[in-house]
Each structure stands twice: as structure tokens, then as C-alpha cells.
C-alpha atoms as a PDB file:
ATOM      1  CA  MET A   1      -6.659   7.604  19.496  1.00  0.00           C
ATOM      2  CA  ALA A   2      -9.440   9.874  20.684  1.00  0.00           C
ATOM      3  CA  ASP A   3     -12.154   8.430  22.905  1.00  0.00           C
ATOM      4  CA  VAL A   4     -15.057   8.724  20.483  1.00  0.00           C
ATOM      5  CA  SER A   5     -18.274   6.705  20.597  1.00  0.00           C
ATOM      6  CA  PHE A   6     -20.385   5.958  17.533  1.00  0.00           C
ATOM      7  CA  THR A   7     -24.129   5.383  17.400  1.00  0.00           C
ATOM      8  CA  HIS A   8     -25.128   2.170  15.670  1.00  0.00           C
ATOM      9  CA  GLU A   9     -27.679   2.935  12.988  1.00  0.00           C
ATOM     10  CA  ARG A  10     -28.350  -0.654  11.898  1.00  0.00           C
ATOM     11  CA  PRO A  11     -26.912  -4.172  12.343  1.00  0.00           C
ATOM     12  CA  ALA A  12     -23.727  -4.801  10.406  1.00  0.00           C
ATOM     13  CA  SER A  13     -23.920  -6.772   7.173  1.00  0.00           C
ATOM     14  CA  ALA A  14     -21.316  -9.083   5.677  1.00  0.00           C
ATOM     15  CA  SER A  15     -20.265  -6.301   3.303  1.00  0.00           C
ATOM     16  CA  ASP A  16     -19.511  -4.051   6.273  1.00  0.00           C
ATOM     17  CA  TYR A  17     -17.027  -6.560   7.658  1.00  0.00           C
ATOM     18  CA  VAL A  18     -15.508  -6.998   4.221  1.00  0.00           C
ATOM     19  CA  ALA A  19     -15.090  -3.207   4.010  1.00  0.00           C
ATOM     20  CA  LEU A  20     -13.092  -3.324   7.253  1.00  0.00           C
ATOM     21  CA  LEU A  21     -10.494  -5.409   5.415  1.00  0.00           C
ATOM     22  CA  LYS A  22      -9.876  -2.662   2.812  1.00  0.00           C
ATOM     23  CA  PRO A  23     -10.364  -5.018  -0.161  1.00  0.00           C
ATOM     24  CA  ARG A  24      -9.034  -2.529  -2.729  1.00  0.00           C
ATOM     25  CA  VAL A  25      -5.750  -2.239  -0.871  1.00  0.00           C
ATOM     26  CA  MET A  26      -5.753  -5.997  -0.319  1.00  0.00           C
ATOM     27  CA  SER A  27      -6.062  -6.657  -4.057  1.00  0.00           C
ATOM     28  CA  LEU A  28      -2.838  -4.756  -4.793  1.00  0.00           C
ATOM     29  CA  VAL A  29      -1.045  -6.519  -1.937  1.00  0.00           C
ATOM     30  CA  VAL A  30      -2.177  -9.924  -3.187  1.00  0.00           C
ATOM     31  CA  PHE A  31      -1.146  -9.136  -6.753  1.00  0.00           C
ATOM     32  CA  THR A  32       2.363  -7.958  -5.868  1.00  0.00           C
ATOM     33  CA  GLY A  33       2.720 -10.942  -3.536  1.00  0.00           C
ATOM     34  CA  LEU A  34       1.656 -13.330  -6.295  1.00  0.00           C
ATOM     35  CA  VAL A  35       4.238 -11.842  -8.649  1.00  0.00           C
ATOM     36  CA  GLY A  36       6.904 -12.178  -5.967  1.00  0.00           C
ATOM     37  CA  TYR A  37       6.005 -15.836  -5.551  1.00  0.00           C
ATOM     38  CA  MET A  38       6.008 -16.553  -9.284  1.00  0.00           C
ATOM     39  CA  ALA A  39       9.307 -14.718  -9.798  1.00  0.00           C
ATOM     40  CA  ALA A  40      11.096 -16.588  -6.999  1.00  0.00           C
ATOM     41  CA  PRO A  41      13.369 -19.494  -8.019  1.00  0.00           C
ATOM     42  CA  GLY A  42      12.127 -23.041  -7.719  1.00  0.00           C
ATOM     43  CA  VAL A  43       8.996 -24.906  -8.702  1.00  0.00           C
ATOM     44  CA  GLY A  44       6.829 -24.521  -5.619  1.00  0.00           C
ATOM     45  CA  ASP A  45       3.817 -26.536  -4.556  1.00  0.00           C
ATOM     46  CA  PRO A  46       0.606 -25.010  -5.978  1.00  0.00           C
ATOM     47  CA  VAL A  47      -1.485 -25.820  -2.893  1.00  0.00           C
ATOM     48  CA  LEU A  48       1.088 -24.453  -0.456  1.00  0.00           C
ATOM     49  CA  GLY A  49       1.669 -21.492  -2.746  1.00  0.00           C
ATOM     50  CA  PHE A  50      -2.037 -20.701  -2.726  1.00  0.00           C
ATOM     51  CA  ALA A  51      -2.052 -20.960   1.067  1.00  0.00           C
ATOM     52  CA  ALA A  52       0.901 -18.570   1.314  1.00  0.00           C
ATOM     53  CA  ILE A  53      -0.767 -15.965  -0.917  1.00  0.00           C
ATOM     54  CA  LEU A  54      -4.002 -16.427   1.039  1.00  0.00           C
ATOM     55  CA  ALA A  55      -2.082 -15.770   4.265  1.00  0.00           C
ATOM     56  CA  ILE A  56      -0.750 -12.514   2.780  1.00  0.00           C
ATOM     57  CA  ALA A  57      -4.297 -11.514   1.794  1.00  0.00           C
ATOM     58  CA  VAL A  58      -5.653 -12.281   5.268  1.00  0.00           C
ATOM     59  CA  ALA A  59      -2.786 -10.345   6.868  1.00  0.00           C
ATOM     60  CA  ALA A  60      -3.563  -7.346   4.663  1.00  0.00           C
ATOM     61  CA  GLY A  61      -7.195  -7.546   5.726  1.00  0.00           C
ATOM     62  CA  ALA A  62      -6.204  -7.831   9.375  1.00  0.00           C
ATOM     63  CA  SER A  63      -4.010  -4.742   9.053  1.00  0.00           C
ATOM     64  CA  GLY A  64      -6.885  -2.854   7.458  1.00  0.00           C
ATOM     65  CA  ALA A  65      -9.270  -3.788  10.275  1.00  0.00           C
ATOM     66  CA  LEU A  66      -6.769  -2.736  12.945  1.00  0.00           C
ATOM     67  CA  ASN A  67      -6.170   0.514  11.096  1.00  0.00           C
ATOM     68  CA  MET A  68      -9.892   1.266  10.954  1.00  0.00           C
ATOM     69  CA  TRP A  69     -10.263   0.388  14.640  1.00  0.00           C
ATOM     70  CA  PHE A  70      -7.587   2.834  15.723  1.00  0.00           C
ATOM     71  CA  ASP A  71      -8.309   5.565  13.165  1.00  0.00           C
ATOM     72  CA  ALA A  72     -12.078   5.682  13.606  1.00  0.00           C
ATOM     73  CA  ASP A  73     -11.848   9.146  15.178  1.00  0.00           C
ATOM     74  CA  ILE A  74      -9.902  10.463  12.178  1.00  0.00           C
ATOM     75  CA  ASP A  75     -12.152   8.669   9.699  1.00  0.00           C
ATOM     76  CA  ALA A  76     -15.217  10.329  11.258  1.00  0.00           C
ATOM     77  CA  VAL A  77     -13.837  13.782  10.401  1.00  0.00           C
ATOM     78  CA  MET A  78     -12.643  13.205   6.830  1.00  0.00           C
ATOM     79  CA  SER A  79     -15.191  13.258   4.012  1.00  0.00           C
ATOM     80  CA  ARG A  80     -13.367  10.466   2.152  1.00  0.00           C
ATOM     81  CA  THR A  81     -13.645   8.063   5.097  1.00  0.00           C
ATOM     82  CA  ARG A  82     -16.608   9.061   7.242  1.00  0.00           C
ATOM     83  CA  SER A  83     -18.841   6.488   5.518  1.00  0.00           C
ATOM     84  CA  ARG A  84     -16.606   3.615   6.621  1.00  0.00           C
ATOM     85  CA  PRO A  85     -18.249   0.948   8.823  1.00  0.00           C
ATOM     86  CA  ILE A  86     -17.121   2.271  12.225  1.00  0.00           C
ATOM     87  CA  PRO A  87     -17.656   6.054  11.950  1.00  0.00           C
ATOM     88  CA  SER A  88     -20.967   5.463  10.168  1.00  0.00           C
ATOM     89  CA  GLY A  89     -22.097   3.366  13.128  1.00  0.00           C
ATOM     90  CA  ARG A  90     -22.474   0.035  11.342  1.00  0.00           C
ATOM     91  CA  VAL A  91     -19.692  -1.850  13.135  1.00  0.00           C
ATOM     92  CA  ALA A  92     -18.527  -1.460  16.726  1.00  0.00           C
ATOM     93  CA  ARG A  93     -14.888  -0.548  17.285  1.00  0.00           C
ATOM     94  CA  GLU A  94     -14.394  -3.588  19.518  1.00  0.00           C
ATOM     95  CA  GLU A  95     -15.572  -5.898  16.741  1.00  0.00           C
ATOM     96  CA  ALA A  96     -13.044  -4.423  14.324  1.00  0.00           C
ATOM     97  CA  LEU A  97     -10.279  -4.894  16.888  1.00  0.00           C
ATOM     98  CA  MET A  98     -11.176  -8.525  17.519  1.00  0.00           C
ATOM     99  CA  LEU A  99     -11.485  -9.219  13.800  1.00  0.00           C
ATOM    100  CA  GLY A 100      -8.078  -7.696  13.159  1.00  0.00           C
ATOM    101  CA  LEU A 101      -6.357  -9.604  15.953  1.00  0.00           C
ATOM    102  CA  THR A 102      -7.984 -12.908  14.998  1.00  0.00           C
ATOM    103  CA  LEU A 103      -7.081 -12.591  11.326  1.00  0.00           C
ATOM    104  CA  SER A 104      -3.528 -11.526  12.227  1.00  0.00           C
ATOM    105  CA  LEU A 105      -2.985 -14.699  14.226  1.00  0.00           C
ATOM    106  CA  LEU A 106      -4.646 -16.853  11.577  1.00  0.00           C
ATOM    107  CA  SER A 107      -2.509 -15.421   8.777  1.00  0.00           C
ATOM    108  CA  VAL A 108       0.793 -15.921  10.589  1.00  0.00           C
ATOM    109  CA  VAL A 109      -0.098 -19.476  11.634  1.00  0.00           C
ATOM    110  CA  THR A 110      -1.155 -20.298   8.063  1.00  0.00           C
ATOM    111  CA  MET A 111       2.087 -18.915   6.652  1.00  0.00           C
ATOM    112  CA  THR A 112       4.113 -20.896   9.183  1.00  0.00           C
ATOM    113  CA  LEU A 113       2.389 -24.142   8.217  1.00  0.00           C
ATOM    114  CA  ALA A 114       2.345 -23.483   4.466  1.00  0.00           C
ATOM    115  CA  ALA A 115       5.822 -22.020   4.053  1.00  0.00           C
ATOM    116  CA  ASN A 116       8.571 -21.340   6.573  1.00  0.00           C
ATOM    117  CA  ALA A 117       9.593 -19.306   9.595  1.00  0.00           C
ATOM    118  CA  LEU A 118      11.212 -16.529   7.542  1.00  0.00           C
ATOM    119  CA  ALA A 119       8.052 -15.816   5.558  1.00  0.00           C
ATOM    120  CA  ALA A 120       5.923 -16.010   8.710  1.00  0.00           C
ATOM    121  CA  ALA A 121       8.242 -13.641  10.585  1.00  0.00           C
ATOM    122  CA  LEU A 122       8.181 -11.126   7.724  1.00  0.00           C
ATOM    123  CA  LEU A 123       4.393 -11.362   7.609  1.00  0.00           C
ATOM    124  CA  ALA A 124       4.088 -10.771  11.357  1.00  0.00           C
ATOM    125  CA  PHE A 125       6.480  -7.834  11.109  1.00  0.00           C
ATOM    126  CA  THR A 126       4.411  -6.320   8.289  1.00  0.00           C
ATOM    127  CA  ILE A 127       1.199  -6.471  10.333  1.00  0.00           C
ATOM    128  CA  PHE A 128       2.943  -4.981  13.372  1.00  0.00           C
ATOM    129  CA  PHE A 129       4.613  -2.255  11.319  1.00  0.00           C
ATOM    130  CA  TYR A 130       1.378  -1.161   9.644  1.00  0.00           C
ATOM    131  CA  ALA A 131      -0.925  -1.435  12.638  1.00  0.00           C
ATOM    132  CA  VAL A 132       1.395  -0.178  15.365  1.00  0.00           C
ATOM    133  CA  VAL A 133       4.354   1.725  13.912  1.00  0.00           C
ATOM    134  CA  TYR A 134       2.466   3.449  11.091  1.00  0.00           C
ATOM    135  CA  THR A 135      -1.139   3.683  12.307  1.00  0.00           C
ATOM    136  CA  MET A 136      -0.583   4.315  16.000  1.00  0.00           C
ATOM    137  CA  TRP A 137       2.619   6.356  15.829  1.00  0.00           C
ATOM    138  CA  LEU A 138       3.869   7.684  12.492  1.00  0.00           C
ATOM    139  CA  LYS A 139       0.548   8.755  11.005  1.00  0.00           C
ATOM    140  CA  ARG A 140      -0.174  11.167  13.841  1.00  0.00           C
ATOM    141  CA  SER A 141       3.341  12.358  14.572  1.00  0.00           C
ATOM    142  CA  THR A 142       5.333  13.099  11.397  1.00  0.00           C
ATOM    143  CA  PRO A 143       4.785  14.307   7.822  1.00  0.00           C
ATOM    144  CA  GLN A 144       7.091  11.463   6.784  1.00  0.00           C
ATOM    145  CA  ASN A 145       4.414   9.007   7.924  1.00  0.00           C
ATOM    146  CA  ILE A 146       3.638   7.658   4.481  1.00  0.00           C
ATOM    147  CA  VAL A 147       7.325   7.435   3.518  1.00  0.00           C
ATOM    148  CA  ILE A 148       8.388   5.295   6.467  1.00  0.00           C
ATOM    149  CA  GLY A 149       5.042   3.548   6.811  1.00  0.00           C
ATOM    150  CA  GLY A 150       5.132   2.594   3.152  1.00  0.00           C
ATOM    151  CA  LEU A 151       7.485  -0.245   4.041  1.00  0.00           C
ATOM    152  CA  ALA A 152       4.506  -2.302   5.211  1.00  0.00           C
ATOM    153  CA  GLY A 153       2.822  -2.138   1.815  1.00  0.00           C
ATOM    154  CA  ALA A 154       6.106  -2.799   0.022  1.00  0.00           C
ATOM    155  CA  LEU A 155       6.993  -6.089   1.721  1.00  0.00           C
ATOM    156  CA  PRO A 156       4.476  -8.597   0.216  1.00  0.00           C
ATOM    157  CA  PRO A 157       6.688  -9.535  -2.799  1.00  0.00           C
ATOM    158  CA  ALA A 158       9.558 -10.347  -0.419  1.00  0.00           C
ATOM    159  CA  ILE A 159       7.259 -12.313   1.889  1.00  0.00           C
ATOM    160  CA  ALA A 160       5.958 -14.397  -1.012  1.00  0.00           C
ATOM    161  CA  TRP A 161       9.479 -14.838  -2.390  1.00  0.00           C
ATOM    162  CA  ALA A 162      10.653 -16.116   0.997  1.00  0.00           C
ATOM    163  CA  ALA A 163       7.629 -18.418   1.204  1.00  0.00           C
ATOM    164  CA  LYS A 164       8.680 -20.159  -2.002  1.00  0.00           C
ATOM    165  CA  ALA A 165      12.485 -19.907  -1.935  1.00  0.00           C
ATOM    166  CA  GLY A 166      13.066 -20.006   1.816  1.00  0.00           C
ATOM    167  CA  SER A 167      15.464 -17.055   1.580  1.00  0.00           C
ATOM    168  CA  LEU A 168      15.828 -13.538   0.186  1.00  0.00           C
ATOM    169  CA  SER A 169      18.154 -12.053  -2.429  1.00  0.00           C
ATOM    170  CA  LEU A 170      18.642  -8.776  -4.269  1.00  0.00           C
ATOM    171  CA  ASP A 171      15.730  -9.306  -6.648  1.00  0.00           C
ATOM    172  CA  PRO A 172      12.888  -9.371  -4.082  1.00  0.00           C
ATOM    173  CA  LEU A 173      14.487  -6.421  -2.304  1.00  0.00           C
ATOM    174  CA  LEU A 174      14.361  -4.493  -5.582  1.00  0.00           C
ATOM    175  CA  LEU A 175      10.635  -5.206  -5.834  1.00  0.00           C
ATOM    176  CA  VAL A 176      10.220  -3.945  -2.287  1.00  0.00           C
ATOM    177  CA  ALA A 177      12.236  -0.816  -3.124  1.00  0.00           C
ATOM    178  CA  ILE A 178      10.110  -0.072  -6.185  1.00  0.00           C
ATOM    179  CA  ILE A 179       6.884  -0.146  -4.169  1.00  0.00           C
ATOM    180  CA  PHE A 180       8.536   1.780  -1.324  1.00  0.00           C
ATOM    181  CA  PHE A 181       9.609   4.664  -3.577  1.00  0.00           C
ATOM    182  CA  TRP A 182       6.337   4.518  -5.518  1.00  0.00           C
ATOM    183  CA  THR A 183       4.234   5.076  -2.397  1.00  0.00           C
ATOM    184  CA  PRO A 184       5.128   8.731  -1.590  1.00  0.00           C
ATOM    185  CA  PRO A 185       4.364  10.258  -5.012  1.00  0.00           C
ATOM    186  CA  HIS A 186       1.281   8.056  -5.309  1.00  0.00           C
ATOM    187  CA  PHE A 187      -0.142   8.979  -1.913  1.00  0.00           C
ATOM    188  CA  TRP A 188       0.991  12.599  -1.826  1.00  0.00           C
ATOM    189  CA  ALA A 189      -0.782  13.207  -5.139  1.00  0.00           C
ATOM    190  CA  LEU A 190      -3.969  12.159  -3.364  1.00  0.00           C
ATOM    191  CA  SER A 191      -3.136  14.068  -0.193  1.00  0.00           C
ATOM    192  CA  LEU A 192      -2.847  17.293  -2.204  1.00  0.00           C
ATOM    193  CA  LEU A 193      -6.529  16.838  -3.006  1.00  0.00           C
ATOM    194  CA  GLN A 194      -7.446  15.929   0.578  1.00  0.00           C
ATOM    195  CA  SER A 195      -5.292  18.422   2.499  1.00  0.00           C
ATOM    196  CA  ARG A 196      -8.244  20.226   4.089  1.00  0.00           C
ATOM    197  CA  ASP A 197      -9.611  16.961   5.438  1.00  0.00           C
ATOM    198  CA  TYR A 198      -6.226  16.025   6.860  1.00  0.00           C
ATOM    199  CA  ALA A 199      -5.916  19.440   8.463  1.00  0.00           C
ATOM    200  CA  ALA A 200      -9.372  19.113  10.027  1.00  0.00           C
ATOM    201  CA  ALA A 201      -8.429  15.671  11.363  1.00  0.00           C
ATOM    202  CA  ARG A 202      -5.070  17.015  12.619  1.00  0.00           C
ATOM    203  CA  VAL A 203      -3.109  14.461  10.625  1.00  0.00           C
ATOM    204  CA  PRO A 204       0.331  15.927   9.807  1.00  0.00           C
ATOM    205  CA  MET A 205       0.408  15.018   6.148  1.00  0.00           C
ATOM    206  CA  LEU A 206       3.053  16.841   4.113  1.00  0.00           C
ATOM    207  CA  PRO A 207       0.627  19.306   2.419  1.00  0.00           C
ATOM    208  CA  VAL A 208      -0.646  20.292   5.870  1.00  0.00           C
ATOM    209  CA  THR A 209       2.732  20.761   7.548  1.00  0.00           C
ATOM    210  CA  HIS A 210       4.854  22.055   4.646  1.00  0.00           C
ATOM    211  CA  GLY A 211       2.311  23.277   2.122  1.00  0.00           C
ATOM    212  CA  ALA A 212       1.302  22.285  -1.387  1.00  0.00           C
ATOM    213  CA  LYS A 213       4.418  23.678  -3.082  1.00  0.00           C
ATOM    214  CA  ALA A 214       6.808  21.602  -0.961  1.00  0.00           C
ATOM    215  CA  THR A 215       4.629  18.532  -1.525  1.00  0.00           C
ATOM    216  CA  ARG A 216       4.705  19.008  -5.286  1.00  0.00           C
ATOM    217  CA  PHE A 217       8.500  19.219  -5.164  1.00  0.00           C
ATOM    218  CA  GLN A 218       8.755  16.026  -3.093  1.00  0.00           C
ATOM    219  CA  ILE A 219       6.448  14.219  -5.520  1.00  0.00           C
ATOM    220  CA  PHE A 220       8.740  15.156  -8.394  1.00  0.00           C
ATOM    221  CA  ALA A 221      11.898  14.233  -6.466  1.00  0.00           C
ATOM    222  CA  TYR A 222      10.602  10.769  -5.595  1.00  0.00           C
ATOM    223  CA  SER A 223       9.446  10.272  -9.178  1.00  0.00           C
ATOM    224  CA  LEU A 224      12.982  10.982 -10.405  1.00  0.00           C
ATOM    225  CA  LEU A 225      14.241   8.262  -8.056  1.00  0.00           C
ATOM    226  CA  LEU A 226      11.474   5.819  -8.937  1.00  0.00           C
ATOM    227  CA  ALA A 227      11.851   5.867 -12.730  1.00  0.00           C
ATOM    228  CA  PRO A 228      15.431   4.474 -12.884  1.00  0.00           C
ATOM    229  CA  LEU A 229      14.743   2.169  -9.957  1.00  0.00           C
ATOM    230  CA  GLY A 230      11.909   0.648 -11.955  1.00  0.00           C
ATOM    231  CA  LEU A 231      14.463  -0.376 -14.589  1.00  0.00           C
ATOM    232  CA  ALA A 232      16.831  -2.036 -12.087  1.00  0.00           C
ATOM    233  CA  PRO A 233      15.280  -5.554 -12.400  1.00  0.00           C
ATOM    234  CA  VAL A 234      16.361  -5.582 -16.061  1.00  0.00           C
ATOM    235  CA  PHE A 235      19.997  -5.367 -15.036  1.00  0.00           C
ATOM    236  CA  THR A 236      19.723  -8.194 -12.485  1.00  0.00           C
ATOM    237  CA  GLY A 237      17.975 -10.492 -14.961  1.00  0.00           C
ATOM    238  CA  LEU A 238      14.685 -10.495 -13.073  1.00  0.00           C
ATOM    239  CA  GLY A 239      12.955  -8.478 -15.786  1.00  0.00           C
ATOM    240  CA  GLY A 240      13.175  -9.094 -19.515  1.00  0.00           C
ATOM    241  CA  MET A 241      12.394  -7.102 -22.666  1.00  0.00           C
ATOM    242  CA  ILE A 242       8.675  -6.790 -21.938  1.00  0.00           C
ATOM    243  CA  TYR A 243       9.328  -5.539 -18.436  1.00  0.00           C
ATOM    244  CA  GLY A 244      12.132  -3.212 -19.573  1.00  0.00           C
ATOM    245  CA  SER A 245       9.985  -1.594 -22.256  1.00  0.00           C
ATOM    246  CA  ILE A 246       7.089  -0.984 -19.880  1.00  0.00           C
ATOM    247  CA  ALA A 247       9.403   0.281 -17.132  1.00  0.00           C
ATOM    248  CA  ALA A 248      11.143   2.703 -19.490  1.00  0.00           C
ATOM    249  CA  VAL A 249       8.008   4.149 -21.074  1.00  0.00           C
ATOM    250  CA  GLY A 250       5.990   4.078 -17.860  1.00  0.00           C
ATOM    251  CA  GLY A 251       8.773   5.644 -15.826  1.00  0.00           C
ATOM    252  CA  ALA A 252       9.262   8.447 -18.334  1.00  0.00           C
ATOM    253  CA  PHE A 253       5.542   9.217 -18.376  1.00  0.00           C
ATOM    254  CA  PHE A 254       5.441   9.066 -14.565  1.00  0.00           C
ATOM    255  CA  VAL A 255       8.163  11.732 -14.423  1.00  0.00           C
ATOM    256  CA  PHE A 256       6.328  13.778 -17.049  1.00  0.00           C
ATOM    257  CA  LEU A 257       3.112  13.767 -15.020  1.00  0.00           C
ATOM    258  CA  ALA A 258       5.039  14.552 -11.830  1.00  0.00           C
ATOM    259  CA  GLY A 259       6.657  17.469 -13.667  1.00  0.00           C
ATOM    260  CA  ARG A 260       3.207  18.753 -14.577  1.00  0.00           C
ATOM    261  CA  VAL A 261       2.257  18.584 -10.909  1.00  0.00           C
ATOM    262  CA  LEU A 262       5.470  20.387  -9.949  1.00  0.00           C
ATOM    263  CA  THR A 263       4.725  23.312 -12.260  1.00  0.00           C
ATOM    264  CA  SER A 264       1.054  23.467 -11.287  1.00  0.00           C
ATOM    265  CA  ARG A 265      -0.803  24.894  -8.321  1.00  0.00           C
ATOM    266  CA  ALA A 266      -2.301  21.537  -7.381  1.00  0.00           C
ATOM    267  CA  GLY A 267      -3.431  21.431  -3.769  1.00  0.00           C
ATOM    268  CA  GLU A 268      -4.361  25.114  -3.686  1.00  0.00           C
ATOM    269  CA  GLY A 269      -8.065  24.622  -4.306  1.00  0.00           C
ATOM    270  CA  ILE A 270      -8.065  25.268  -8.051  1.00  0.00           C
ATOM    271  CA  ALA A 271      -9.989  22.498  -9.822  1.00  0.00           C
ATOM    272  CA  ALA A 272      -8.117  22.742 -13.126  1.00  0.00           C
ATOM    273  CA  GLU A 273      -4.779  22.568 -11.326  1.00  0.00           C
ATOM    274  CA  ASP A 274      -5.876  19.741  -9.032  1.00  0.00           C
ATOM    275  CA  LYS A 275      -6.590  17.639 -12.105  1.00  0.00           C
ATOM    276  CA  ARG A 276      -2.849  17.263 -12.650  1.00  0.00           C
ATOM    277  CA  ALA A 277      -2.449  15.637  -9.237  1.00  0.00           C
ATOM    278  CA  ARG A 278      -5.474  13.461  -9.933  1.00  0.00           C
ATOM    279  CA  ASP A 279      -3.973  12.361 -13.258  1.00  0.00           C
ATOM    280  CA  LEU A 280      -0.715  11.382 -11.561  1.00  0.00           C
ATOM    281  CA  PHE A 281      -2.559   9.485  -8.844  1.00  0.00           C
ATOM    282  CA  GLY A 282      -4.550   7.504 -11.397  1.00  0.00           C
ATOM    283  CA  PHE A 283      -1.549   6.744 -13.585  1.00  0.00           C
ATOM    284  CA  SER A 284       0.581   5.706 -10.608  1.00  0.00           C
ATOM    285  CA  ILE A 285      -1.759   2.776  -9.964  1.00  0.00           C
ATOM    286  CA  LEU A 286      -1.589   1.730 -13.605  1.00  0.00           C
ATOM    287  CA  TYR A 287       2.212   2.081 -13.590  1.00  0.00           C
ATOM    288  CA  LEU A 288       2.765  -0.225 -10.633  1.00  0.00           C
ATOM    289  CA  PHE A 289       0.255  -2.759 -11.917  1.00  0.00           C
ATOM    290  CA  ALA A 290       1.892  -2.750 -15.358  1.00  0.00           C
ATOM    291  CA  LEU A 291       5.375  -3.344 -13.931  1.00  0.00           C
ATOM    292  CA  PHE A 292       4.297  -6.356 -11.917  1.00  0.00           C
ATOM    293  CA  ALA A 293       1.994  -7.646 -14.667  1.00  0.00           C
ATOM    294  CA  ALA A 294       4.975  -7.595 -17.036  1.00  0.00           C
ATOM    295  CA  LEU A 295       7.022  -9.709 -14.629  1.00  0.00           C
ATOM    296  CA  LEU A 296       4.126 -12.119 -14.286  1.00  0.00           C
ATOM    297  CA  ALA A 297       3.684 -12.339 -18.054  1.00  0.00           C
ATOM    298  CA  GLU A 298       7.374 -13.037 -18.564  1.00  0.00           C
ATOM    299  CA  ARG A 299       7.236 -15.834 -16.000  1.00  0.00           C
ATOM    300  CA  GLY A 300       4.267 -17.307 -17.853  1.00  0.00           C
ATOM    301  CA  LEU A 301       6.132 -17.173 -21.164  1.00  0.00           C
ATOM    302  CA  ALA A 302       9.365 -18.617 -19.757  1.00  0.00           C
END
């Protein structure tokens, strides 16, 4: 982390502190966690279940605040992030650090009281992995940062499953695997469009270190792995006909869009070509949401 100071332009508002929590990322974490909880065996107490999902949400927010605290120097360079609360001078770095640490402790304590030690331990590990292993180490040291670091964003379904069932099995691990293998093609599609910013910030993202062509190939390779993996819950009984249909069609279209990226010149500064990466990025969000929404719908119909 570079020693960079930021001038405070105005007092922070409540929305600035909310922005530190990365609410858009938090919403996906909460949704996948909720599906993990609903899919887990057992009845579950609704009040304790709500508390467990709330703990996951707070932990996600804590991780976001710690990430923004440490990455403020990078965020100040990149056009996509320079308007965030710290580099724009609206929130002091120290405040983001204290907010992140406080929420981290609160989330783990809440999970311990509402669920069990396994869920609390997994939650604590997720915060540590994202804030320390990914943010402080992987992001600045290896082009595989998003691949390895993606584990943190993939764990919420398993955490919620453990909170309800008290143990883990193959099914929650499959949900983790789906998110884990979804993350690289999802994020690399975006990084193709932001490669100049990453280069300016000296972040070794794959397009910066290996070029756009190699990144496009990796996106396609991970998509080929993701599509059949998305169907795996059907064979374990976790997913039914609704899920299977969405996984099959969505996976095939995901591979199709990744193939378009592979045969394009996306990431080389050509607007028409970059659109293919942008299309894949947008659809990838819809794909993951649809998979988990299908599981949730099937639980509601059961």
C-alpha cells in the first residue's frame, strides 16, 4: 500500500459510508448466501436464519471497507474507482479501517450466536482471505489474483448452509465451485475493458501481464469448465427441472458469448470489439443470478 494522503473536500455523508461497504457486491453475496441457507436440509429458525444472513451481509460490507482502505492508492489512479469515498477525499482512510474491523468483529460474533462455530469460522476465514490474502497480497503480486481470490466471494452459500445444517456436504461445495469458476470469465471480461487503468495502477491483471489475446483464451477456457459444472447440482438432486433447464440454456449461451470474445479483438481499444466483452460481462451476472434464483424457486415450490 502506497503512502498516499487525500484532501478532504467535504464532511462524509451516510451514503459515503454505505459506499465503503460495496453494496452492489454485498447484494450478490447476500443472495447466494440466502439460497445456500434455503437449500440446506432442515427447517431452520426464521429469526436465527435472518441473523445468519445479516452476519454474511455485514461481513461482506466489512471486507469491502477493508479493501477500500488498503486499495485507496490504486483507486485514486483508476477512472472506474477514483470517485470512491477515500480517493475523492470524502472519508479518511483511518475511518474506513476502523469501520471494516468493527463490522468484521460484529459479523463473526453475530454468526457465532445465531448459528454455530463452523459457520462463524468460515465467515472469519472469508473476511481474512478477501482483506488480507487477496487485497494485500494476491491483487498486487500475481495475474492469478482474481482466480485464487475468487474463493472469498464463492464461500457465502457454504457459510449459510453450515449456519442452518451445522455441517457441509457435496451440494454446498458445488455451489461454491460454480461461483469460483464463474468469477474469472466474469471479471476478466471487465478487465479487458479496464486494462489501461490497471496498467497505470500497476495491478498485474491478466490483460496487463499476458495481453488481451491470452485473456480472451482464458475466458473461453473457464467458460467451458463452468457450463457443465453449472449442471452438476441436477445430478446430485440439489437442482430440479427448472434449474437444469436454466443451467443448460444459460451455460450454452455463456460459452457462445465467450466464443465471440475469443474470436474478437476485445481489449485492444476497438469499441466494436470491446462490446463483445461487455456483453459477456453483463450476461455473466444474469447467468449466476438465474442459477441461484432457480434453486430458490424450486425450494419455494417444494
